[in-house]
């Protein structure tokens, strides 16, 4: 979708580089001009996690697929975990995830950072260390390529902060922009975290503030509070590696675990509660205090 042309004006325009009203004219690069004229959130039907398919519907689809058995597959899709885990040896397992979504902010660089952070969070939620990532891109051919460059730059900066390498990726032409990453990490087979194993009386620890979904909805509607948006972006672009999460209780293994993007308390608590067993299928379970409150 091409950016709209500016409205016509009868007033004489100053020549290029000439001051307007005694004020020095702003100088913009091509990238800045391209990114300033496009609102990414206007091109998406839903913001971020709101564009995902319902977990219940996915369970029905997956239930109809052939069940794959392998001694090396430690974690598959049965528990709706955030990544798959494949045992390489008694000392090493590989952790693989993919996560992408539609724009939830208008700034392309920030969108890239948020999407990449979300993907890396899946690796951390499994207790693993990320090694490399592949970009997953859906982008309209009609938009300036500078926008895509800024999105990828945001993802690359997050990968660098995580100590990982962006090794490549895949792209398609799509009217609705989408971006994310397939991330590969490694962990000792005896130190894998999953979203199962919760017990009655467990306390749900949230590693990030809740409510970013409300903030991104305000962004999409064009009426956000700047300070609130800045705080939400800061939270959504903060990496939470294993060494920081495990510092909650030194020497203890958290169980269950699930990545917390701050979007809503429901995904953070529902999947661990669902994985705990039959008693956690209702809206008020005894699996953890967060669900029972």
C-alpha atoms as a PDB file:
ATOM      1  CA  UNK A   1       0.000   0.000   0.000  1.00  0.00           C
ATOM      2  CA  UNK A   2       1.638   3.223  -1.157  1.00  0.00           C
ATOM      3  CA  UNK A   3       1.764   6.112   1.327  1.00  0.00           C
ATOM      4  CA  UNK A   4      -0.871   8.785   0.793  1.00  0.00           C
ATOM      5  CA  UNK A   5       0.188  11.965  -0.983  1.00  0.00           C
ATOM      6  CA  UNK A   6       0.386  15.102   1.173  1.00  0.00           C
ATOM      7  CA  UNK A   7      -2.518  17.532   0.876  1.00  0.00           C
ATOM      8  CA  UNK A   8      -2.179  20.344  -1.614  1.00  0.00           C
ATOM      9  CA  UNK A   9      -1.164  23.749  -0.278  1.00  0.00           C
ATOM     10  CA  UNK A  10      -1.451  27.136  -1.999  1.00  0.00           C
ATOM     11  CA  UNK A  11       1.334  28.663   0.084  1.00  0.00           C
ATOM     12  CA  UNK A  12       4.681  28.926  -1.719  1.00  0.00           C
ATOM     13  CA  UNK A  13       7.100  26.177  -0.759  1.00  0.00           C
ATOM     14  CA  UNK A  14      10.648  27.131   0.280  1.00  0.00           C
ATOM     15  CA  UNK A  15      13.413  25.844  -1.899  1.00  0.00           C
ATOM     16  CA  UNK A  16      15.257  22.722  -0.835  1.00  0.00           C
ATOM     17  CA  UNK A  17      17.455  23.529   2.132  1.00  0.00           C
ATOM     18  CA  UNK A  18      15.826  26.940   2.652  1.00  0.00           C
ATOM     19  CA  UNK A  19      14.640  27.783   6.156  1.00  0.00           C
ATOM     20  CA  UNK A  20      10.881  27.924   6.782  1.00  0.00           C
ATOM     21  CA  UNK A  21       9.807  30.749   9.097  1.00  0.00           C
ATOM     22  CA  UNK A  22      13.342  31.330  10.302  1.00  0.00           C
ATOM     23  CA  UNK A  23      13.703  27.695  11.454  1.00  0.00           C
ATOM     24  CA  UNK A  24      16.318  25.449   9.928  1.00  0.00           C
ATOM     25  CA  UNK A  25      14.633  22.713   7.856  1.00  0.00           C
ATOM     26  CA  UNK A  26      14.836  19.129   9.109  1.00  0.00           C
ATOM     27  CA  UNK A  27      17.006  16.800   7.063  1.00  0.00           C
ATOM     28  CA  UNK A  28      15.730  13.235   6.713  1.00  0.00           C
ATOM     29  CA  UNK A  29      17.387  10.185   5.245  1.00  0.00           C
ATOM     30  CA  UNK A  30      15.488   7.993   2.775  1.00  0.00           C
ATOM     31  CA  UNK A  31      14.992   5.388   5.509  1.00  0.00           C
ATOM     32  CA  UNK A  32      13.520   7.955   7.900  1.00  0.00           C
ATOM     33  CA  UNK A  33      11.146   9.277   5.232  1.00  0.00           C
ATOM     34  CA  UNK A  34      10.014   5.753   4.349  1.00  0.00           C
ATOM     35  CA  UNK A  35       9.405   4.682   7.925  1.00  0.00           C
ATOM     36  CA  UNK A  36       7.660   7.907   8.940  1.00  0.00           C
ATOM     37  CA  UNK A  37       4.927   7.641   6.296  1.00  0.00           C
ATOM     38  CA  UNK A  38       3.755   4.064   6.968  1.00  0.00           C
ATOM     39  CA  UNK A  39       1.820   2.856  10.034  1.00  0.00           C
ATOM     40  CA  UNK A  40       2.554  -0.852  10.272  1.00  0.00           C
ATOM     41  CA  UNK A  41      -0.325  -1.476  12.674  1.00  0.00           C
ATOM     42  CA  UNK A  42      -2.817  -0.290  10.043  1.00  0.00           C
ATOM     43  CA  UNK A  43      -1.722  -3.185   7.829  1.00  0.00           C
ATOM     44  CA  UNK A  44      -2.461  -5.938  10.353  1.00  0.00           C
ATOM     45  CA  UNK A  45      -5.784  -7.468  11.389  1.00  0.00           C
ATOM     46  CA  UNK A  46      -4.537  -8.083  14.937  1.00  0.00           C
ATOM     47  CA  UNK A  47      -1.627  -6.942  17.067  1.00  0.00           C
ATOM     48  CA  UNK A  48       1.062  -9.422  18.076  1.00  0.00           C
ATOM     49  CA  UNK A  49      -0.230 -12.408  20.041  1.00  0.00           C
ATOM     50  CA  UNK A  50      -3.824 -11.422  19.227  1.00  0.00           C
ATOM     51  CA  UNK A  51      -3.303 -12.784  15.707  1.00  0.00           C
ATOM     52  CA  UNK A  52      -2.528 -16.308  16.925  1.00  0.00           C
ATOM     53  CA  UNK A  53      -4.940 -19.210  16.488  1.00  0.00           C
ATOM     54  CA  UNK A  54      -6.730 -20.392  19.657  1.00  0.00           C
ATOM     55  CA  UNK A  55      -4.811 -23.087  21.530  1.00  0.00           C
ATOM     56  CA  UNK A  56      -7.963 -25.211  21.809  1.00  0.00           C
ATOM     57  CA  UNK A  57      -8.409 -25.257  18.034  1.00  0.00           C
ATOM     58  CA  UNK A  58      -4.779 -26.209  17.549  1.00  0.00           C
ATOM     59  CA  UNK A  59      -5.104 -29.101  19.982  1.00  0.00           C
ATOM     60  CA  UNK A  60      -8.001 -30.480  17.918  1.00  0.00           C
ATOM     61  CA  UNK A  61      -5.971 -30.262  14.717  1.00  0.00           C
ATOM     62  CA  UNK A  62      -2.857 -31.817  16.255  1.00  0.00           C
ATOM     63  CA  UNK A  63      -4.911 -34.626  17.781  1.00  0.00           C
ATOM     64  CA  UNK A  64      -5.763 -35.814  14.281  1.00  0.00           C
ATOM     65  CA  UNK A  65      -2.143 -36.070  13.170  1.00  0.00           C
ATOM     66  CA  UNK A  66      -0.117 -39.304  13.408  1.00  0.00           C
ATOM     67  CA  UNK A  67       1.682 -39.620  16.728  1.00  0.00           C
ATOM     68  CA  UNK A  68       5.424 -39.714  16.221  1.00  0.00           C
ATOM     69  CA  UNK A  69       7.475 -41.759  18.668  1.00  0.00           C
ATOM     70  CA  UNK A  70      11.210 -41.301  19.042  1.00  0.00           C
ATOM     71  CA  UNK A  71      13.531 -41.980  21.928  1.00  0.00           C
ATOM     72  CA  UNK A  72      15.446 -38.828  21.037  1.00  0.00           C
ATOM     73  CA  UNK A  73      12.396 -36.522  21.034  1.00  0.00           C
ATOM     74  CA  UNK A  74      12.277 -35.259  24.611  1.00  0.00           C
ATOM     75  CA  UNK A  75       9.620 -32.563  24.105  1.00  0.00           C
ATOM     76  CA  UNK A  76       7.129 -32.505  21.229  1.00  0.00           C
ATOM     77  CA  UNK A  77       3.813 -30.762  20.574  1.00  0.00           C
ATOM     78  CA  UNK A  78       1.701 -32.849  22.957  1.00  0.00           C
ATOM     79  CA  UNK A  79       2.212 -30.532  25.934  1.00  0.00           C
ATOM     80  CA  UNK A  80       1.925 -27.306  23.894  1.00  0.00           C
ATOM     81  CA  UNK A  81       5.427 -26.371  25.005  1.00  0.00           C
ATOM     82  CA  UNK A  82       7.186 -23.406  23.470  1.00  0.00           C
ATOM     83  CA  UNK A  83       9.922 -25.383  21.708  1.00  0.00           C
ATOM     84  CA  UNK A  84      10.852 -28.910  20.673  1.00  0.00           C
ATOM     85  CA  UNK A  85      13.759 -30.659  22.379  1.00  0.00           C
ATOM     86  CA  UNK A  86      15.836 -33.346  20.658  1.00  0.00           C
ATOM     87  CA  UNK A  87      18.444 -35.357  22.560  1.00  0.00           C
ATOM     88  CA  UNK A  88      21.800 -35.464  20.772  1.00  0.00           C
ATOM     89  CA  UNK A  89      23.722 -37.289  23.489  1.00  0.00           C
ATOM     90  CA  UNK A  90      23.708 -37.818  27.238  1.00  0.00           C
ATOM     91  CA  UNK A  91      25.305 -34.393  27.571  1.00  0.00           C
ATOM     92  CA  UNK A  92      23.583 -32.343  24.891  1.00  0.00           C
ATOM     93  CA  UNK A  93      20.093 -31.620  23.573  1.00  0.00           C
ATOM     94  CA  UNK A  94      19.049 -29.199  20.829  1.00  0.00           C
ATOM     95  CA  UNK A  95      16.082 -26.873  21.402  1.00  0.00           C
ATOM     96  CA  UNK A  96      14.179 -25.525  18.378  1.00  0.00           C
ATOM     97  CA  UNK A  97      11.403 -22.934  18.218  1.00  0.00           C
ATOM     98  CA  UNK A  98       9.741 -20.627  15.716  1.00  0.00           C
ATOM     99  CA  UNK A  99       7.717 -17.548  16.606  1.00  0.00           C
ATOM    100  CA  UNK A 100       6.403 -14.717  14.441  1.00  0.00           C
ATOM    101  CA  UNK A 101       3.465 -12.328  14.380  1.00  0.00           C
ATOM    102  CA  UNK A 102       1.977  -9.188  12.854  1.00  0.00           C
ATOM    103  CA  UNK A 103       3.064  -5.632  13.803  1.00  0.00           C
ATOM    104  CA  UNK A 104       2.028  -4.402  17.234  1.00  0.00           C
ATOM    105  CA  UNK A 105       3.867  -1.076  16.992  1.00  0.00           C
ATOM    106  CA  UNK A 106       4.386   1.287  14.070  1.00  0.00           C
ATOM    107  CA  UNK A 107       8.152   1.730  14.295  1.00  0.00           C
ATOM    108  CA  UNK A 108       9.720  -1.055  12.173  1.00  0.00           C
ATOM    109  CA  UNK A 109      12.955  -1.284  14.171  1.00  0.00           C
ATOM    110  CA  UNK A 110      11.020  -1.632  17.432  1.00  0.00           C
ATOM    111  CA  UNK A 111       8.726  -4.216  15.839  1.00  0.00           C
ATOM    112  CA  UNK A 112      11.769  -6.249  14.849  1.00  0.00           C
ATOM    113  CA  UNK A 113      13.168  -6.102  18.370  1.00  0.00           C
ATOM    114  CA  UNK A 114       9.876  -7.142  19.989  1.00  0.00           C
ATOM    115  CA  UNK A 115       9.321 -10.075  17.619  1.00  0.00           C
ATOM    116  CA  UNK A 116      12.885 -11.329  18.023  1.00  0.00           C
ATOM    117  CA  UNK A 117      12.761 -11.023  21.810  1.00  0.00           C
ATOM    118  CA  UNK A 118       9.557 -13.047  21.812  1.00  0.00           C
ATOM    119  CA  UNK A 119      11.216 -15.822  19.793  1.00  0.00           C
ATOM    120  CA  UNK A 120      14.323 -15.943  21.997  1.00  0.00           C
ATOM    121  CA  UNK A 121      12.083 -16.066  25.077  1.00  0.00           C
ATOM    122  CA  UNK A 122      10.869 -19.508  23.944  1.00  0.00           C
ATOM    123  CA  UNK A 123      14.436 -20.807  24.149  1.00  0.00           C
ATOM    124  CA  UNK A 124      14.959 -19.304  27.600  1.00  0.00           C
ATOM    125  CA  UNK A 125      11.648 -20.770  28.791  1.00  0.00           C
ATOM    126  CA  UNK A 126      13.033 -24.240  28.051  1.00  0.00           C
ATOM    127  CA  UNK A 127      16.147 -23.502  30.114  1.00  0.00           C
ATOM    128  CA  UNK A 128      18.381 -23.419  27.040  1.00  0.00           C
ATOM    129  CA  UNK A 129      21.067 -21.140  25.627  1.00  0.00           C
ATOM    130  CA  UNK A 130      20.372 -19.701  22.127  1.00  0.00           C
ATOM    131  CA  UNK A 131      22.989 -20.275  19.434  1.00  0.00           C
ATOM    132  CA  UNK A 132      21.641 -19.059  16.080  1.00  0.00           C
ATOM    133  CA  UNK A 133      18.454 -17.834  14.441  1.00  0.00           C
ATOM    134  CA  UNK A 134      16.768 -17.650  11.030  1.00  0.00           C
ATOM    135  CA  UNK A 135      14.560 -14.730  10.011  1.00  0.00           C
ATOM    136  CA  UNK A 136      10.926 -15.459   9.087  1.00  0.00           C
ATOM    137  CA  UNK A 137       9.530 -12.655   6.909  1.00  0.00           C
ATOM    138  CA  UNK A 138       6.213 -11.907   5.219  1.00  0.00           C
ATOM    139  CA  UNK A 139       6.320  -8.475   3.601  1.00  0.00           C
ATOM    140  CA  UNK A 140       4.384  -6.610   0.882  1.00  0.00           C
ATOM    141  CA  UNK A 141       6.321  -5.830  -2.282  1.00  0.00           C
ATOM    142  CA  UNK A 142       4.469  -2.511  -2.410  1.00  0.00           C
ATOM    143  CA  UNK A 143       6.126  -1.153   0.753  1.00  0.00           C
ATOM    144  CA  UNK A 144       9.551   0.526   0.815  1.00  0.00           C
ATOM    145  CA  UNK A 145      12.302  -2.027   1.385  1.00  0.00           C
ATOM    146  CA  UNK A 146      13.812   0.364   3.933  1.00  0.00           C
ATOM    147  CA  UNK A 147      11.006  -0.673   6.277  1.00  0.00           C
ATOM    148  CA  UNK A 148      12.025  -4.319   6.022  1.00  0.00           C
ATOM    149  CA  UNK A 149      15.640  -3.364   6.561  1.00  0.00           C
ATOM    150  CA  UNK A 150      14.737  -1.669   9.832  1.00  0.00           C
ATOM    151  CA  UNK A 151      12.708  -4.686  10.987  1.00  0.00           C
ATOM    152  CA  UNK A 152      15.617  -7.020  10.288  1.00  0.00           C
ATOM    153  CA  UNK A 153      18.045  -4.650  11.974  1.00  0.00           C
ATOM    154  CA  UNK A 154      15.932  -4.760  15.118  1.00  0.00           C
ATOM    155  CA  UNK A 155      15.963  -8.554  15.078  1.00  0.00           C
ATOM    156  CA  UNK A 156      19.705  -8.645  14.488  1.00  0.00           C
ATOM    157  CA  UNK A 157      20.380  -6.358  17.444  1.00  0.00           C
ATOM    158  CA  UNK A 158      18.362  -8.617  19.756  1.00  0.00           C
ATOM    159  CA  UNK A 159      20.185 -11.698  18.485  1.00  0.00           C
ATOM    160  CA  UNK A 160      23.520  -9.999  19.129  1.00  0.00           C
ATOM    161  CA  UNK A 161      22.426  -9.067  22.654  1.00  0.00           C
ATOM    162  CA  UNK A 162      21.507 -12.725  23.232  1.00  0.00           C
ATOM    163  CA  UNK A 163      24.923 -13.848  22.034  1.00  0.00           C
ATOM    164  CA  UNK A 164      23.414 -15.563  18.992  1.00  0.00           C
ATOM    165  CA  UNK A 165      24.025 -15.353  15.245  1.00  0.00           C
ATOM    166  CA  UNK A 166      21.450 -14.662  12.517  1.00  0.00           C
ATOM    167  CA  UNK A 167      22.382 -17.298   9.942  1.00  0.00           C
ATOM    168  CA  UNK A 168      19.774 -16.622   7.241  1.00  0.00           C
ATOM    169  CA  UNK A 169      16.027 -16.838   6.783  1.00  0.00           C
ATOM    170  CA  UNK A 170      13.069 -17.084   4.435  1.00  0.00           C
ATOM    171  CA  UNK A 171      10.694 -14.478   3.007  1.00  0.00           C
ATOM    172  CA  UNK A 172       7.436 -14.331   1.065  1.00  0.00           C
ATOM    173  CA  UNK A 173       5.337 -11.556  -0.463  1.00  0.00           C
ATOM    174  CA  UNK A 174       2.308 -10.907   1.765  1.00  0.00           C
ATOM    175  CA  UNK A 175      -0.074  -7.953   2.004  1.00  0.00           C
ATOM    176  CA  UNK A 176       0.058  -8.219   5.807  1.00  0.00           C
ATOM    177  CA  UNK A 177       3.575  -7.811   7.274  1.00  0.00           C
ATOM    178  CA  UNK A 178       4.773 -10.511   9.641  1.00  0.00           C
ATOM    179  CA  UNK A 179       8.145 -11.077  11.245  1.00  0.00           C
ATOM    180  CA  UNK A 180       9.773 -13.431  13.667  1.00  0.00           C
ATOM    181  CA  UNK A 181      12.555 -15.953  14.051  1.00  0.00           C
ATOM    182  CA  UNK A 182      13.281 -19.658  14.151  1.00  0.00           C
ATOM    183  CA  UNK A 183      15.792 -19.987  16.981  1.00  0.00           C
ATOM    184  CA  UNK A 184      18.033 -22.914  17.835  1.00  0.00           C
ATOM    185  CA  UNK A 185      19.582 -23.415  21.252  1.00  0.00           C
ATOM    186  CA  UNK A 186      21.292 -26.055  23.360  1.00  0.00           C
ATOM    187  CA  UNK A 187      20.793 -27.440  26.848  1.00  0.00           C
ATOM    188  CA  UNK A 188      21.846 -30.408  28.978  1.00  0.00           C
ATOM    189  CA  UNK A 189      19.146 -33.113  28.735  1.00  0.00           C
ATOM    190  CA  UNK A 190      18.801 -33.186  32.518  1.00  0.00           C
ATOM    191  CA  UNK A 191      18.192 -29.436  32.709  1.00  0.00           C
ATOM    192  CA  UNK A 192      15.286 -29.003  30.309  1.00  0.00           C
ATOM    193  CA  UNK A 193      12.395 -26.855  31.555  1.00  0.00           C
ATOM    194  CA  UNK A 194       8.843 -27.512  30.365  1.00  0.00           C
ATOM    195  CA  UNK A 195       5.396 -26.084  31.078  1.00  0.00           C
ATOM    196  CA  UNK A 196       4.354 -29.294  32.845  1.00  0.00           C
ATOM    197  CA  UNK A 197       5.081 -30.608  36.325  1.00  0.00           C
ATOM    198  CA  UNK A 198       3.178 -28.008  38.306  1.00  0.00           C
ATOM    199  CA  UNK A 199       1.926 -29.004  41.753  1.00  0.00           C
ATOM    200  CA  UNK A 200      -0.883 -27.811  43.972  1.00  0.00           C
ATOM    201  CA  UNK A 201       0.234 -24.782  45.941  1.00  0.00           C
ATOM    202  CA  UNK A 202       2.879 -23.671  43.426  1.00  0.00           C
ATOM    203  CA  UNK A 203       3.258 -19.917  43.048  1.00  0.00           C
ATOM    204  CA  UNK A 204       3.150 -18.399  39.578  1.00  0.00           C
ATOM    205  CA  UNK A 205       6.094 -16.019  39.148  1.00  0.00           C
ATOM    206  CA  UNK A 206       5.688 -13.460  36.347  1.00  0.00           C
ATOM    207  CA  UNK A 207       8.994 -12.223  34.989  1.00  0.00           C
ATOM    208  CA  UNK A 208       7.418  -9.218  33.238  1.00  0.00           C
ATOM    209  CA  UNK A 209       4.550  -6.794  33.936  1.00  0.00           C
ATOM    210  CA  UNK A 210       1.170  -7.793  32.500  1.00  0.00           C
ATOM    211  CA  UNK A 211      -0.898  -5.566  30.222  1.00  0.00           C
ATOM    212  CA  UNK A 212       1.110  -4.963  27.043  1.00  0.00           C
ATOM    213  CA  UNK A 213      -1.837  -6.287  25.019  1.00  0.00           C
ATOM    214  CA  UNK A 214      -3.918  -3.336  26.157  1.00  0.00           C
ATOM    215  CA  UNK A 215      -1.120  -0.935  25.255  1.00  0.00           C
ATOM    216  CA  UNK A 216      -0.607  -2.349  21.755  1.00  0.00           C
ATOM    217  CA  UNK A 217      -4.352  -2.190  21.125  1.00  0.00           C
ATOM    218  CA  UNK A 218      -4.183   1.524  21.954  1.00  0.00           C
ATOM    219  CA  UNK A 219      -1.278   1.878  19.515  1.00  0.00           C
ATOM    220  CA  UNK A 220      -3.290   0.232  16.749  1.00  0.00           C
ATOM    221  CA  UNK A 221      -6.212   2.579  17.415  1.00  0.00           C
ATOM    222  CA  UNK A 222      -3.889   5.572  17.267  1.00  0.00           C
ATOM    223  CA  UNK A 223      -4.498   6.813  20.821  1.00  0.00           C
ATOM    224  CA  UNK A 224      -1.582   5.643  22.981  1.00  0.00           C
ATOM    225  CA  UNK A 225       0.001   7.373  25.940  1.00  0.00           C
ATOM    226  CA  UNK A 226       3.656   7.877  24.988  1.00  0.00           C
ATOM    227  CA  UNK A 227       5.047   7.116  28.448  1.00  0.00           C
ATOM    228  CA  UNK A 228       2.989   3.934  28.749  1.00  0.00           C
ATOM    229  CA  UNK A 229       4.041   2.784  25.276  1.00  0.00           C
ATOM    230  CA  UNK A 230       7.711   3.393  26.124  1.00  0.00           C
ATOM    231  CA  UNK A 231       7.374   1.302  29.285  1.00  0.00           C
ATOM    232  CA  UNK A 232       5.650  -1.506  27.386  1.00  0.00           C
ATOM    233  CA  UNK A 233       8.303  -1.512  24.658  1.00  0.00           C
ATOM    234  CA  UNK A 234      11.057  -1.604  27.274  1.00  0.00           C
ATOM    235  CA  UNK A 235       9.433  -4.685  28.817  1.00  0.00           C
ATOM    236  CA  UNK A 236       8.764  -6.433  25.508  1.00  0.00           C
ATOM    237  CA  UNK A 237      12.361  -5.974  24.323  1.00  0.00           C
ATOM    238  CA  UNK A 238      14.032  -7.162  27.534  1.00  0.00           C
ATOM    239  CA  UNK A 239      15.662 -10.588  27.292  1.00  0.00           C
ATOM    240  CA  UNK A 240      15.222 -12.941  30.257  1.00  0.00           C
ATOM    241  CA  UNK A 241      17.969 -15.594  29.971  1.00  0.00           C
ATOM    242  CA  UNK A 242      18.071 -18.693  32.160  1.00  0.00           C
ATOM    243  CA  UNK A 243      20.654 -17.289  34.540  1.00  0.00           C
ATOM    244  CA  UNK A 244      18.285 -14.430  35.430  1.00  0.00           C
ATOM    245  CA  UNK A 245      15.147 -16.539  35.694  1.00  0.00           C
ATOM    246  CA  UNK A 246      16.811 -19.193  37.839  1.00  0.00           C
ATOM    247  CA  UNK A 247      18.008 -16.526  40.269  1.00  0.00           C
ATOM    248  CA  UNK A 248      14.478 -16.421  41.713  1.00  0.00           C
ATOM    249  CA  UNK A 249      15.358 -19.464  43.835  1.00  0.00           C
ATOM    250  CA  UNK A 250      19.054 -20.375  43.584  1.00  0.00           C
ATOM    251  CA  UNK A 251      19.639 -24.091  43.247  1.00  0.00           C
ATOM    252  CA  UNK A 252      16.004 -24.852  42.401  1.00  0.00           C
ATOM    253  CA  UNK A 253      14.524 -25.862  39.068  1.00  0.00           C
ATOM    254  CA  UNK A 254      11.381 -23.883  38.180  1.00  0.00           C
ATOM    255  CA  UNK A 255       8.436 -26.007  37.105  1.00  0.00           C
ATOM    256  CA  UNK A 256       6.389 -25.393  35.089  1.00  0.00           C
ATOM    257  CA  UNK A 257       7.752 -22.594  32.883  1.00  0.00           C
ATOM    258  CA  UNK A 258       6.334 -20.613  29.983  1.00  0.00           C
ATOM    259  CA  UNK A 259       7.597 -17.439  28.263  1.00  0.00           C
ATOM    260  CA  UNK A 260       5.997 -14.245  29.530  1.00  0.00           C
ATOM    261  CA  UNK A 261       5.696 -11.504  26.908  1.00  0.00           C
ATOM    262  CA  UNK A 262       3.526  -9.394  29.208  1.00  0.00           C
ATOM    263  CA  UNK A 263       0.636  -9.659  26.744  1.00  0.00           C
ATOM    264  CA  UNK A 264      -1.777 -11.275  29.194  1.00  0.00           C
ATOM    265  CA  UNK A 265      -1.805 -13.452  32.294  1.00  0.00           C
ATOM    266  CA  UNK A 266      -3.951 -16.060  30.539  1.00  0.00           C
ATOM    267  CA  UNK A 267      -1.286 -17.612  28.222  1.00  0.00           C
ATOM    268  CA  UNK A 268       1.314 -17.485  30.995  1.00  0.00           C
ATOM    269  CA  UNK A 269      -0.872 -19.428  33.409  1.00  0.00           C
ATOM    270  CA  UNK A 270      -3.240 -21.459  31.195  1.00  0.00           C
ATOM    271  CA  UNK A 271      -0.686 -23.673  29.461  1.00  0.00           C
ATOM    272  CA  UNK A 272       1.178 -24.687  32.649  1.00  0.00           C
ATOM    273  CA  UNK A 273      -2.173 -25.232  34.375  1.00  0.00           C
ATOM    274  CA  UNK A 274      -3.488 -27.295  31.432  1.00  0.00           C
ATOM    275  CA  UNK A 275      -0.314 -29.426  31.469  1.00  0.00           C
ATOM    276  CA  UNK A 276      -0.712 -30.233  35.166  1.00  0.00           C
ATOM    277  CA  UNK A 277      -3.633 -32.605  34.671  1.00  0.00           C
ATOM    278  CA  UNK A 278      -7.405 -32.947  34.781  1.00  0.00           C
ATOM    279  CA  UNK A 279      -7.913 -30.662  37.789  1.00  0.00           C
ATOM    280  CA  UNK A 280      -6.497 -27.701  35.889  1.00  0.00           C
ATOM    281  CA  UNK A 281      -8.958 -27.667  32.982  1.00  0.00           C
ATOM    282  CA  UNK A 282     -11.465 -25.311  34.605  1.00  0.00           C
ATOM    283  CA  UNK A 283     -11.209 -21.557  35.084  1.00  0.00           C
ATOM    284  CA  UNK A 284     -10.483 -22.065  38.799  1.00  0.00           C
ATOM    285  CA  UNK A 285      -7.893 -24.774  39.354  1.00  0.00           C
ATOM    286  CA  UNK A 286      -5.742 -25.728  42.333  1.00  0.00           C
ATOM    287  CA  UNK A 287      -2.568 -26.031  40.308  1.00  0.00           C
ATOM    288  CA  UNK A 288      -1.185 -22.643  41.231  1.00  0.00           C
ATOM    289  CA  UNK A 289      -2.310 -19.715  43.265  1.00  0.00           C
ATOM    290  CA  UNK A 290      -2.527 -17.416  40.255  1.00  0.00           C
ATOM    291  CA  UNK A 291      -5.233 -19.636  38.709  1.00  0.00           C
ATOM    292  CA  UNK A 292      -7.112 -20.119  41.967  1.00  0.00           C
ATOM    293  CA  UNK A 293      -7.270 -16.457  42.905  1.00  0.00           C
END
